C-alpha atoms as a PDB file:
ATOM      1  CA  GLY A   1      16.216 114.135  75.646  1.00  0.00           C
ATOM      2  CA  SER A   2      16.375 116.436  78.762  1.00  0.00           C
ATOM      3  CA  VAL A   3      18.820 115.359  81.349  1.00  0.00           C
ATOM      4  CA  ASP A   4      18.319 115.374  85.067  1.00  0.00           C
ATOM      5  CA  ILE A   5      19.451 113.864  88.516  1.00  0.00           C
ATOM      6  CA  ASP A   6      17.584 110.647  87.552  1.00  0.00           C
ATOM      7  CA  THR A   7      19.246 110.394  84.195  1.00  0.00           C
ATOM      8  CA  LEU A   8      22.246 110.503  86.575  1.00  0.00           C
ATOM      9  CA  PHE A   9      21.286 107.972  88.787  1.00  0.00           C
ATOM     10  CA  ARG A  10      20.415 105.536  86.052  1.00  0.00           C
ATOM     11  CA  ILE A  11      23.310 105.730  84.254  1.00  0.00           C
ATOM     12  CA  GLY A  12      25.227 104.866  87.750  1.00  0.00           C
ATOM     13  CA  ARG A  13      23.171 102.568  88.899  1.00  0.00           C
ATOM     14  CA  GLY A  14      21.861 100.663  85.627  1.00  0.00           C
ATOM     15  CA  ARG A  15      17.660 101.509  84.598  1.00  0.00           C
ATOM     16  CA  ALA A  16      15.902 102.343  81.250  1.00  0.00           C
ATOM     17  CA  PRO A  17      13.647 105.597  81.638  1.00  0.00           C
ATOM     18  CA  THR A  18      10.556 102.774  81.306  1.00  0.00           C
ATOM     19  CA  GLY A  19      12.130 101.339  84.685  1.00  0.00           C
ATOM     20  CA  GLU A  20      13.554  98.492  82.770  1.00  0.00           C
ATOM     21  CA  PRO A  21      17.086  96.653  84.034  1.00  0.00           C
ATOM     22  CA  ALA A  22      19.272  98.268  81.961  1.00  0.00           C
ATOM     23  CA  ALA A  23      23.814  97.968  82.270  1.00  0.00           C
ATOM     24  CA  ALA A  24      25.113 100.246  84.442  1.00  0.00           C
ATOM     25  CA  ALA A  25      28.057 102.488  83.030  1.00  0.00           C
ATOM     26  CA  GLU A  26      31.404 100.982  83.935  1.00  0.00           C
ATOM     27  CA  MET A  27      33.311 102.820  86.761  1.00  0.00           C
ATOM     28  CA  THR A  28      37.225 103.030  86.808  1.00  0.00           C
ATOM     29  CA  LYS A  29      39.170 104.948  88.985  1.00  0.00           C
ATOM     30  CA  TRP A  30      40.397 108.665  88.072  1.00  0.00           C
ATOM     31  CA  PHE A  31      43.637 108.830  87.312  1.00  0.00           C
ATOM     32  CA  ASN A  32      46.176 106.874  89.425  1.00  0.00           C
ATOM     33  CA  THR A  33      44.095 108.170  92.643  1.00  0.00           C
ATOM     34  CA  ASN A  34      41.417 106.350  94.326  1.00  0.00           C
ATOM     35  CA  TYR A  35      38.670 108.325  93.456  1.00  0.00           C
ATOM     36  CA  HIS A  36      36.281 106.462  91.078  1.00  0.00           C
ATOM     37  CA  TYR A  37      34.736 108.288  87.516  1.00  0.00           C
ATOM     38  CA  MET A  38      31.512 106.602  85.756  1.00  0.00           C
ATOM     39  CA  VAL A  39      33.119 105.697  82.167  1.00  0.00           C
ATOM     40  CA  PRO A  40      31.439 108.093  79.033  1.00  0.00           C
ATOM     41  CA  GLU A  41      29.958 105.858  76.459  1.00  0.00           C
ATOM     42  CA  PHE A  42      30.235 106.975  73.040  1.00  0.00           C
ATOM     43  CA  VAL A  43      28.589 105.348  69.832  1.00  0.00           C
ATOM     44  CA  LYS A  44      29.154 106.175  66.341  1.00  0.00           C
ATOM     45  CA  GLY A  45      27.608 108.940  64.822  1.00  0.00           C
ATOM     46  CA  GLN A  46      26.568 110.543  68.025  1.00  0.00           C
ATOM     47  CA  GLN A  47      25.373 113.840  68.630  1.00  0.00           C
ATOM     48  CA  PHE A  48      26.109 116.231  71.851  1.00  0.00           C
ATOM     49  CA  LYS A  49      24.152 118.992  73.140  1.00  0.00           C
ATOM     50  CA  LEU A  50      24.015 120.958  76.343  1.00  0.00           C
ATOM     51  CA  THR A  51      21.690 119.678  78.089  1.00  0.00           C
ATOM     52  CA  TRP A  52      23.071 119.661  82.153  1.00  0.00           C
ATOM     53  CA  THR A  53      23.037 123.395  83.070  1.00  0.00           C
ATOM     54  CA  GLN A  54      24.387 123.177  86.801  1.00  0.00           C
ATOM     55  CA  LEU A  55      28.050 124.408  85.954  1.00  0.00           C
ATOM     56  CA  LEU A  56      26.138 127.587  85.075  1.00  0.00           C
ATOM     57  CA  ASP A  57      23.344 127.308  87.814  1.00  0.00           C
ATOM     58  CA  GLU A  58      26.499 127.694  90.061  1.00  0.00           C
ATOM     59  CA  VAL A  59      28.511 130.222  88.424  1.00  0.00           C
ATOM     60  CA  ASP A  60      25.118 131.828  88.825  1.00  0.00           C
ATOM     61  CA  GLU A  61      24.696 131.445  92.698  1.00  0.00           C
ATOM     62  CA  ALA A  62      28.435 131.865  93.289  1.00  0.00           C
ATOM     63  CA  LEU A  63      28.810 135.493  91.874  1.00  0.00           C
ATOM     64  CA  ALA A  64      24.901 136.564  93.034  1.00  0.00           C
ATOM     65  CA  LEU A  65      27.444 135.787  96.182  1.00  0.00           C
ATOM     66  CA  GLY A  66      29.942 138.109  95.421  1.00  0.00           C
ATOM     67  CA  HIS A  67      32.362 135.606  94.749  1.00  0.00           C
ATOM     68  CA  LYS A  68      35.106 135.715  92.210  1.00  0.00           C
ATOM     69  CA  VAL A  69      34.534 132.520  89.885  1.00  0.00           C
ATOM     70  CA  LYS A  70      37.057 130.110  87.710  1.00  0.00           C
ATOM     71  CA  PRO A  71      34.713 127.799  87.130  1.00  0.00           C
ATOM     72  CA  VAL A  72      35.817 124.509  86.469  1.00  0.00           C
ATOM     73  CA  LEU A  73      35.582 122.418  82.759  1.00  0.00           C
ATOM     74  CA  LEU A  74      37.046 118.575  81.601  1.00  0.00           C
ATOM     75  CA  GLY A  75      38.950 119.661  78.881  1.00  0.00           C
ATOM     76  CA  PRO A  76      37.649 117.927  75.197  1.00  0.00           C
ATOM     77  CA  VAL A  77      40.761 115.792  74.465  1.00  0.00           C
ATOM     78  CA  THR A  78      40.859 114.034  78.195  1.00  0.00           C
ATOM     79  CA  TRP A  79      36.950 113.742  77.927  1.00  0.00           C
ATOM     80  CA  LEU A  80      36.826 111.744  74.865  1.00  0.00           C
ATOM     81  CA  TRP A  81      40.463 109.720  75.863  1.00  0.00           C
ATOM     82  CA  LEU A  82      38.675 108.714  79.170  1.00  0.00           C
ATOM     83  CA  GLY A  83      35.771 107.278  77.553  1.00  0.00           C
ATOM     84  CA  LYS A  84      35.031 104.227  75.588  1.00  0.00           C
ATOM     85  CA  VAL A  85      33.203 102.715  72.281  1.00  0.00           C
ATOM     86  CA  LYS A  86      30.021 100.808  73.074  1.00  0.00           C
ATOM     87  CA  GLY A  87      28.337  98.944  69.565  1.00  0.00           C
ATOM     88  CA  GLU A  88      30.491  99.134  65.859  1.00  0.00           C
ATOM     89  CA  GLN A  89      33.959 100.279  66.668  1.00  0.00           C
ATOM     90  CA  PHE A  90      35.334 103.731  65.321  1.00  0.00           C
ATOM     91  CA  ASP A  91      38.043 105.811  66.432  1.00  0.00           C
ATOM     92  CA  ARG A  92      36.270 108.315  69.393  1.00  0.00           C
ATOM     93  CA  LEU A  93      38.843 110.648  68.766  1.00  0.00           C
ATOM     94  CA  SER A  94      37.155 111.370  65.705  1.00  0.00           C
ATOM     95  CA  LEU A  95      34.178 112.730  67.573  1.00  0.00           C
ATOM     96  CA  LEU A  96      36.042 115.974  68.510  1.00  0.00           C
ATOM     97  CA  ASN A  97      34.800 118.107  66.223  1.00  0.00           C
ATOM     98  CA  ASP A  98      31.165 117.126  66.904  1.00  0.00           C
ATOM     99  CA  ILE A  99      31.616 118.316  70.396  1.00  0.00           C
ATOM    100  CA  LEU A 100      33.984 121.232  70.579  1.00  0.00           C
ATOM    101  CA  PRO A 101      30.870 123.162  69.381  1.00  0.00           C
ATOM    102  CA  VAL A 102      28.811 122.443  72.867  1.00  0.00           C
ATOM    103  CA  TYR A 103      32.022 123.511  74.871  1.00  0.00           C
ATOM    104  CA  GLN A 104      32.158 126.922  73.212  1.00  0.00           C
ATOM    105  CA  GLN A 105      28.478 126.952  73.829  1.00  0.00           C
ATOM    106  CA  VAL A 106      29.674 126.524  77.341  1.00  0.00           C
ATOM    107  CA  LEU A 107      32.597 129.394  77.243  1.00  0.00           C
ATOM    108  CA  ALA A 108      30.196 131.833  75.769  1.00  0.00           C
ATOM    109  CA  GLU A 109      27.570 131.641  78.292  1.00  0.00           C
ATOM    110  CA  LEU A 110      30.483 132.332  80.896  1.00  0.00           C
ATOM    111  CA  ALA A 111      31.988 134.765  78.971  1.00  0.00           C
ATOM    112  CA  LYS A 112      28.289 136.976  79.427  1.00  0.00           C
ATOM    113  CA  ARG A 113      28.105 136.208  82.861  1.00  0.00           C
ATOM    114  CA  GLY A 114      31.656 138.365  82.964  1.00  0.00           C
ATOM    115  CA  ILE A 115      33.979 135.142  83.654  1.00  0.00           C
ATOM    116  CA  GLU A 116      37.459 136.190  83.340  1.00  0.00           C
ATOM    117  CA  TRP A 117      39.106 132.958  83.551  1.00  0.00           C
ATOM    118  CA  VAL A 118      38.021 128.947  83.045  1.00  0.00           C
ATOM    119  CA  GLN A 119      39.985 126.091  84.108  1.00  0.00           C
ATOM    120  CA  ILE A 120      39.873 123.530  81.725  1.00  0.00           C
ATOM    121  CA  ASP A 121      41.534 120.473  82.851  1.00  0.00           C
ATOM    122  CA  GLU A 122      43.870 118.051  80.497  1.00  0.00           C
ATOM    123  CA  PRO A 123      45.244 115.554  82.858  1.00  0.00           C
ATOM    124  CA  ALA A 124      45.760 113.251  80.038  1.00  0.00           C
ATOM    125  CA  LEU A 125      48.276 115.385  79.118  1.00  0.00           C
ATOM    126  CA  VAL A 126      50.344 114.240  82.243  1.00  0.00           C
ATOM    127  CA  LEU A 127      50.398 110.669  79.978  1.00  0.00           C
ATOM    128  CA  GLU A 128      52.067 109.164  76.963  1.00  0.00           C
ATOM    129  CA  LEU A 129      49.331 109.532  74.373  1.00  0.00           C
ATOM    130  CA  PRO A 130      49.709 108.409  71.426  1.00  0.00           C
ATOM    131  CA  GLN A 131      50.704 110.770  68.724  1.00  0.00           C
ATOM    132  CA  ALA A 132      47.696 111.384  66.893  1.00  0.00           C
ATOM    133  CA  TRP A 133      45.858 112.434  70.483  1.00  0.00           C
ATOM    134  CA  LEU A 134      48.465 114.780  71.060  1.00  0.00           C
ATOM    135  CA  ASP A 135      48.154 116.482  67.872  1.00  0.00           C
ATOM    136  CA  ALA A 136      44.629 116.571  68.453  1.00  0.00           C
ATOM    137  CA  TYR A 137      44.880 119.556  71.038  1.00  0.00           C
ATOM    138  CA  LYS A 138      46.266 122.346  69.024  1.00  0.00           C
ATOM    139  CA  PRO A 139      43.110 122.571  66.699  1.00  0.00           C
ATOM    140  CA  ALA A 140      40.257 121.721  69.632  1.00  0.00           C
ATOM    141  CA  TYR A 141      42.211 124.705  71.311  1.00  0.00           C
ATOM    142  CA  ASP A 142      42.306 126.387  68.137  1.00  0.00           C
ATOM    143  CA  ALA A 143      38.413 126.389  68.141  1.00  0.00           C
ATOM    144  CA  LEU A 144      38.349 127.190  72.012  1.00  0.00           C
ATOM    145  CA  GLN A 145      40.328 130.262  72.060  1.00  0.00           C
ATOM    146  CA  GLY A 146      39.224 133.993  72.253  1.00  0.00           C
ATOM    147  CA  GLN A 147      36.059 134.174  74.549  1.00  0.00           C
ATOM    148  CA  VAL A 148      37.272 133.678  78.029  1.00  0.00           C
ATOM    149  CA  LYS A 149      40.906 133.626  79.260  1.00  0.00           C
ATOM    150  CA  LEU A 150      41.719 129.576  79.570  1.00  0.00           C
ATOM    151  CA  LEU A 151      43.999 128.256  82.000  1.00  0.00           C
ATOM    152  CA  LEU A 152      45.032 124.543  80.873  1.00  0.00           C
ATOM    153  CA  THR A 153      45.496 122.256  84.025  1.00  0.00           C
ATOM    154  CA  THR A 154      46.760 118.895  84.571  1.00  0.00           C
ATOM    155  CA  TYR A 155      47.866 116.794  87.357  1.00  0.00           C
ATOM    156  CA  PHE A 156      48.893 113.950  89.302  1.00  0.00           C
ATOM    157  CA  GLU A 157      52.474 113.805  87.329  1.00  0.00           C
ATOM    158  CA  GLY A 158      53.920 116.181  85.321  1.00  0.00           C
ATOM    159  CA  VAL A 159      53.955 117.728  82.129  1.00  0.00           C
ATOM    160  CA  THR A 160      57.624 117.699  80.671  1.00  0.00           C
ATOM    161  CA  PRO A 161      57.719 115.458  78.267  1.00  0.00           C
ATOM    162  CA  ASN A 162      54.026 116.924  76.845  1.00  0.00           C
ATOM    163  CA  LEU A 163      55.456 120.343  77.197  1.00  0.00           C
ATOM    164  CA  ASP A 164      56.393 121.535  73.385  1.00  0.00           C
ATOM    165  CA  THR A 165      52.656 120.371  72.621  1.00  0.00           C
ATOM    166  CA  ILE A 166      51.393 122.356  75.304  1.00  0.00           C
ATOM    167  CA  THR A 167      53.137 125.663  74.883  1.00  0.00           C
ATOM    168  CA  ALA A 168      52.281 125.720  71.468  1.00  0.00           C
ATOM    169  CA  LEU A 169      48.299 126.040  72.763  1.00  0.00           C
ATOM    170  CA  PRO A 170      46.734 129.465  72.609  1.00  0.00           C
ATOM    171  CA  VAL A 171      45.705 129.365  76.278  1.00  0.00           C
ATOM    172  CA  GLN A 172      46.564 132.110  78.613  1.00  0.00           C
ATOM    173  CA  GLY A 173      48.058 130.100  81.141  1.00  0.00           C
ATOM    174  CA  LEU A 174      49.231 126.365  82.863  1.00  0.00           C
ATOM    175  CA  HIS A 175      48.829 124.507  85.652  1.00  0.00           C
ATOM    176  CA  VAL A 176      50.822 122.356  86.986  1.00  0.00           C
ATOM    177  CA  ASP A 177      51.354 119.889  89.532  1.00  0.00           C
ATOM    178  CA  LEU A 178      54.601 120.539  91.769  1.00  0.00           C
ATOM    179  CA  VAL A 179      54.097 117.896  93.867  1.00  0.00           C
ATOM    180  CA  HIS A 180      53.546 114.276  92.471  1.00  0.00           C
ATOM    181  CA  GLY A 181      55.614 116.057  89.446  1.00  0.00           C
ATOM    182  CA  LYS A 182      58.907 116.270  88.499  1.00  0.00           C
ATOM    183  CA  ASP A 183      58.687 119.362  86.663  1.00  0.00           C
ATOM    184  CA  ASP A 184      62.013 121.917  87.340  1.00  0.00           C
ATOM    185  CA  VAL A 185      60.512 125.117  88.173  1.00  0.00           C
ATOM    186  CA  ALA A 186      62.941 127.430  86.312  1.00  0.00           C
ATOM    187  CA  GLU A 187      62.600 124.885  82.858  1.00  0.00           C
ATOM    188  CA  LEU A 188      59.073 125.656  83.048  1.00  0.00           C
ATOM    189  CA  HIS A 189      59.302 129.282  83.656  1.00  0.00           C
ATOM    190  CA  LYS A 190      62.267 128.890  80.632  1.00  0.00           C
ATOM    191  CA  ARG A 191      59.585 127.470  78.212  1.00  0.00           C
ATOM    192  CA  LEU A 192      56.340 128.836  78.684  1.00  0.00           C
ATOM    193  CA  PRO A 193      55.369 131.638  76.371  1.00  0.00           C
ATOM    194  CA  SER A 194      56.445 134.962  79.211  1.00  0.00           C
ATOM    195  CA  ASP A 195      52.495 136.369  79.141  1.00  0.00           C
ATOM    196  CA  TRP A 196      51.579 133.283  80.155  1.00  0.00           C
ATOM    197  CA  LEU A 197      50.838 132.706  83.693  1.00  0.00           C
ATOM    198  CA  LEU A 198      51.870 129.955  85.980  1.00  0.00           C
ATOM    199  CA  SER A 199      49.884 128.465  88.142  1.00  0.00           C
ATOM    200  CA  ALA A 200      51.758 126.263  90.141  1.00  0.00           C
ATOM    201  CA  GLY A 201      50.696 123.392  92.389  1.00  0.00           C
ATOM    202  CA  LEU A 202      52.536 123.616  95.499  1.00  0.00           C
ATOM    203  CA  ILE A 203      50.631 122.188  98.172  1.00  0.00           C
ATOM    204  CA  ASN A 204      49.167 118.497  98.458  1.00  0.00           C
ATOM    205  CA  GLY A 205      45.945 117.918  97.191  1.00  0.00           C
ATOM    206  CA  ARG A 206      45.457 114.447  97.742  1.00  0.00           C
ATOM    207  CA  ASN A 207      46.986 114.106 101.324  1.00  0.00           C
ATOM    208  CA  VAL A 208      46.128 115.442 104.838  1.00  0.00           C
ATOM    209  CA  TRP A 209      49.024 116.522 106.397  1.00  0.00           C
ATOM    210  CA  ARG A 210      50.595 119.987 106.662  1.00  0.00           C
ATOM    211  CA  ALA A 211      53.232 121.229 104.405  1.00  0.00           C
ATOM    212  CA  ASP A 212      56.657 122.603 104.621  1.00  0.00           C
ATOM    213  CA  LEU A 213      56.286 125.862 103.539  1.00  0.00           C
ATOM    214  CA  THR A 214      59.402 127.016 103.797  1.00  0.00           C
ATOM    215  CA  GLU A 215      60.368 123.533 101.456  1.00  0.00           C
ATOM    216  CA  LYS A 216      57.883 125.245  99.280  1.00  0.00           C
ATOM    217  CA  TYR A 217      58.694 128.981  99.364  1.00  0.00           C
ATOM    218  CA  ALA A 218      62.246 128.054  98.164  1.00  0.00           C
ATOM    219  CA  GLN A 219      60.522 125.726  95.213  1.00  0.00           C
ATOM    220  CA  ILE A 220      58.906 128.966  93.369  1.00  0.00           C
ATOM    221  CA  LYS A 221      61.081 131.938  95.259  1.00  0.00           C
ATOM    222  CA  ASP A 222      63.048 132.621  92.225  1.00  0.00           C
ATOM    223  CA  ILE A 223      60.330 133.211  89.130  1.00  0.00           C
ATOM    224  CA  VAL A 224      58.243 135.431  91.818  1.00  0.00           C
ATOM    225  CA  GLY A 225      57.998 139.016  89.861  1.00  0.00           C
ATOM    226  CA  LYS A 226      59.475 137.057  86.427  1.00  0.00           C
ATOM    227  CA  ARG A 227      55.605 136.442  85.451  1.00  0.00           C
ATOM    228  CA  ASP A 228      52.260 136.338  86.364  1.00  0.00           C
ATOM    229  CA  LEU A 229      52.299 133.467  89.159  1.00  0.00           C
ATOM    230  CA  TRP A 230      49.207 131.872  90.998  1.00  0.00           C
ATOM    231  CA  VAL A 231      49.899 129.552  94.167  1.00  0.00           C
ATOM    232  CA  ALA A 232      47.693 126.642  94.552  1.00  0.00           C
ATOM    233  CA  SER A 233      46.803 123.532  95.521  1.00  0.00           C
ATOM    234  CA  SER A 234      48.374 120.142  93.188  1.00  0.00           C
ATOM    235  CA  CYS A 235      45.196 119.059  92.356  1.00  0.00           C
ATOM    236  CA  SER A 236      41.666 119.892  93.374  1.00  0.00           C
ATOM    237  CA  LEU A 237      41.024 119.554  97.410  1.00  0.00           C
ATOM    238  CA  LEU A 238      38.345 117.197  96.843  1.00  0.00           C
ATOM    239  CA  HIS A 239      40.773 114.884  97.946  1.00  0.00           C
ATOM    240  CA  SER A 240      41.152 115.771 101.462  1.00  0.00           C
ATOM    241  CA  PRO A 241      38.332 116.132 104.286  1.00  0.00           C
ATOM    242  CA  ILE A 242      36.830 119.724 104.563  1.00  0.00           C
ATOM    243  CA  ASP A 243      37.664 121.185 107.607  1.00  0.00           C
ATOM    244  CA  LEU A 244      40.435 120.035 110.391  1.00  0.00           C
ATOM    245  CA  SER A 245      39.014 122.663 112.981  1.00  0.00           C
ATOM    246  CA  VAL A 246      35.753 120.541 113.890  1.00  0.00           C
ATOM    247  CA  GLU A 247      37.693 117.596 114.890  1.00  0.00           C
ATOM    248  CA  THR A 248      37.308 118.225 118.755  1.00  0.00           C
ATOM    249  CA  ARG A 249      38.540 114.776 119.734  1.00  0.00           C
ATOM    250  CA  LEU A 250      41.965 114.403 118.664  1.00  0.00           C
ATOM    251  CA  ASP A 251      45.079 114.668 120.399  1.00  0.00           C
ATOM    252  CA  ALA A 252      46.517 117.613 119.950  1.00  0.00           C
ATOM    253  CA  GLU A 253      50.449 116.875 118.778  1.00  0.00           C
ATOM    254  CA  VAL A 254      48.265 114.413 116.482  1.00  0.00           C
ATOM    255  CA  LYS A 255      45.850 117.222 115.217  1.00  0.00           C
ATOM    256  CA  SER A 256      49.372 119.121 114.926  1.00  0.00           C
ATOM    257  CA  TRP A 257      50.694 117.256 111.871  1.00  0.00           C
ATOM    258  CA  PHE A 258      47.138 117.481 110.324  1.00  0.00           C
ATOM    259  CA  ALA A 259      45.615 120.138 107.385  1.00  0.00           C
ATOM    260  CA  PHE A 260      42.261 119.568 105.771  1.00  0.00           C
ATOM    261  CA  ALA A 261      40.995 121.154 102.247  1.00  0.00           C
ATOM    262  CA  LEU A 262      40.595 124.393 104.600  1.00  0.00           C
ATOM    263  CA  GLN A 263      43.597 124.702 106.058  1.00  0.00           C
ATOM    264  CA  LYS A 264      45.588 123.999 102.778  1.00  0.00           C
ATOM    265  CA  CYS A 265      43.897 127.065 101.873  1.00  0.00           C
ATOM    266  CA  HIS A 266      45.066 128.971 104.724  1.00  0.00           C
ATOM    267  CA  GLU A 267      48.403 127.418 103.497  1.00  0.00           C
ATOM    268  CA  LEU A 268      48.037 129.150 100.158  1.00  0.00           C
ATOM    269  CA  ALA A 269      47.455 132.507 101.816  1.00  0.00           C
ATOM    270  CA  LEU A 270      50.384 132.222 103.764  1.00  0.00           C
ATOM    271  CA  LEU A 271      52.129 130.986 101.234  1.00  0.00           C
ATOM    272  CA  ARG A 272      51.392 134.115  98.887  1.00  0.00           C
ATOM    273  CA  ASP A 273      51.492 136.823 101.447  1.00  0.00           C
ATOM    274  CA  ALA A 274      55.652 135.683 101.908  1.00  0.00           C
ATOM    275  CA  LEU A 275      55.949 135.640  98.777  1.00  0.00           C
ATOM    276  CA  ASN A 276      54.363 138.855  97.838  1.00  0.00           C
ATOM    277  CA  SER A 277      56.730 140.584 100.953  1.00  0.00           C
ATOM    278  CA  GLY A 278      59.565 138.760 101.208  1.00  0.00           C
ATOM    279  CA  ASP A 279      58.670 137.681 105.158  1.00  0.00           C
ATOM    280  CA  THR A 280      59.145 134.217 105.377  1.00  0.00           C
ATOM    281  CA  ALA A 281      58.276 134.023 109.965  1.00  0.00           C
ATOM    282  CA  ALA A 282      54.921 133.059 109.138  1.00  0.00           C
ATOM    283  CA  LEU A 283      56.039 130.008 107.137  1.00  0.00           C
ATOM    284  CA  ALA A 284      58.616 128.918 109.394  1.00  0.00           C
ATOM    285  CA  GLU A 285      56.518 129.191 112.088  1.00  0.00           C
ATOM    286  CA  TRP A 286      53.554 127.254 110.296  1.00  0.00           C
ATOM    287  CA  SER A 287      56.379 124.746 109.437  1.00  0.00           C
ATOM    288  CA  ALA A 288      57.927 124.431 112.691  1.00  0.00           C
ATOM    289  CA  PRO A 289      58.131 120.495 114.284  1.00  0.00           C
END
């Protein structure tokens, strides 16, 4: 059937379409954060289809406003990993081939709109996954390649233990969390395919503090010019408040310690400009105590 906002509330609050009480979906922590998600439930023989078009609607809106758009999808393997089986038990990984056509459909719709890059989040790749789940990545991404450029995105930990799995995938780039992960930038550069873009998650997307941009510059400068490189927040900025400038009643000294989501974007712009020009004066000024 169709999915609308009422459906989402019914899943979250627990109510059948008839109005009768029903069990709400389980809520659990999103990896190691204090944010929660509603746990997807799978039944044997589950079928999938695209019924919720919010992503496409928002892409259309952003394109109409003239923005350069990089849509974000939660990847199929992580999505299945985060879900749970309801009723008769079975291996939920067996649903992968059933869900891939829906992902292909979404990517085709995005390609039709002229989208160049799609960020496809696979944070399960920072976990110690069973081998069967690691092995599922290659056939999954073989099926998804070709319509748009895919930025495989991880966060909250490092990827080095699973890097062999990652580098075998037919994607065009990798985002890594260089704040919470222990990955070595030089090793990543050496092991990633030379034509891949590296999105370096240097600015902490999960806190409220100013970054030491001089330190971040030093962390990444040695690979500038050696491969396609983006600087980025470590993860989505949804974990931070939005804009420090509207906090008019904060003590000035205390305020100088903070950077909210908009200020973190400013930090990324400062870092980008310094990496492109080699002039680090603005970084030192921003990071001065």
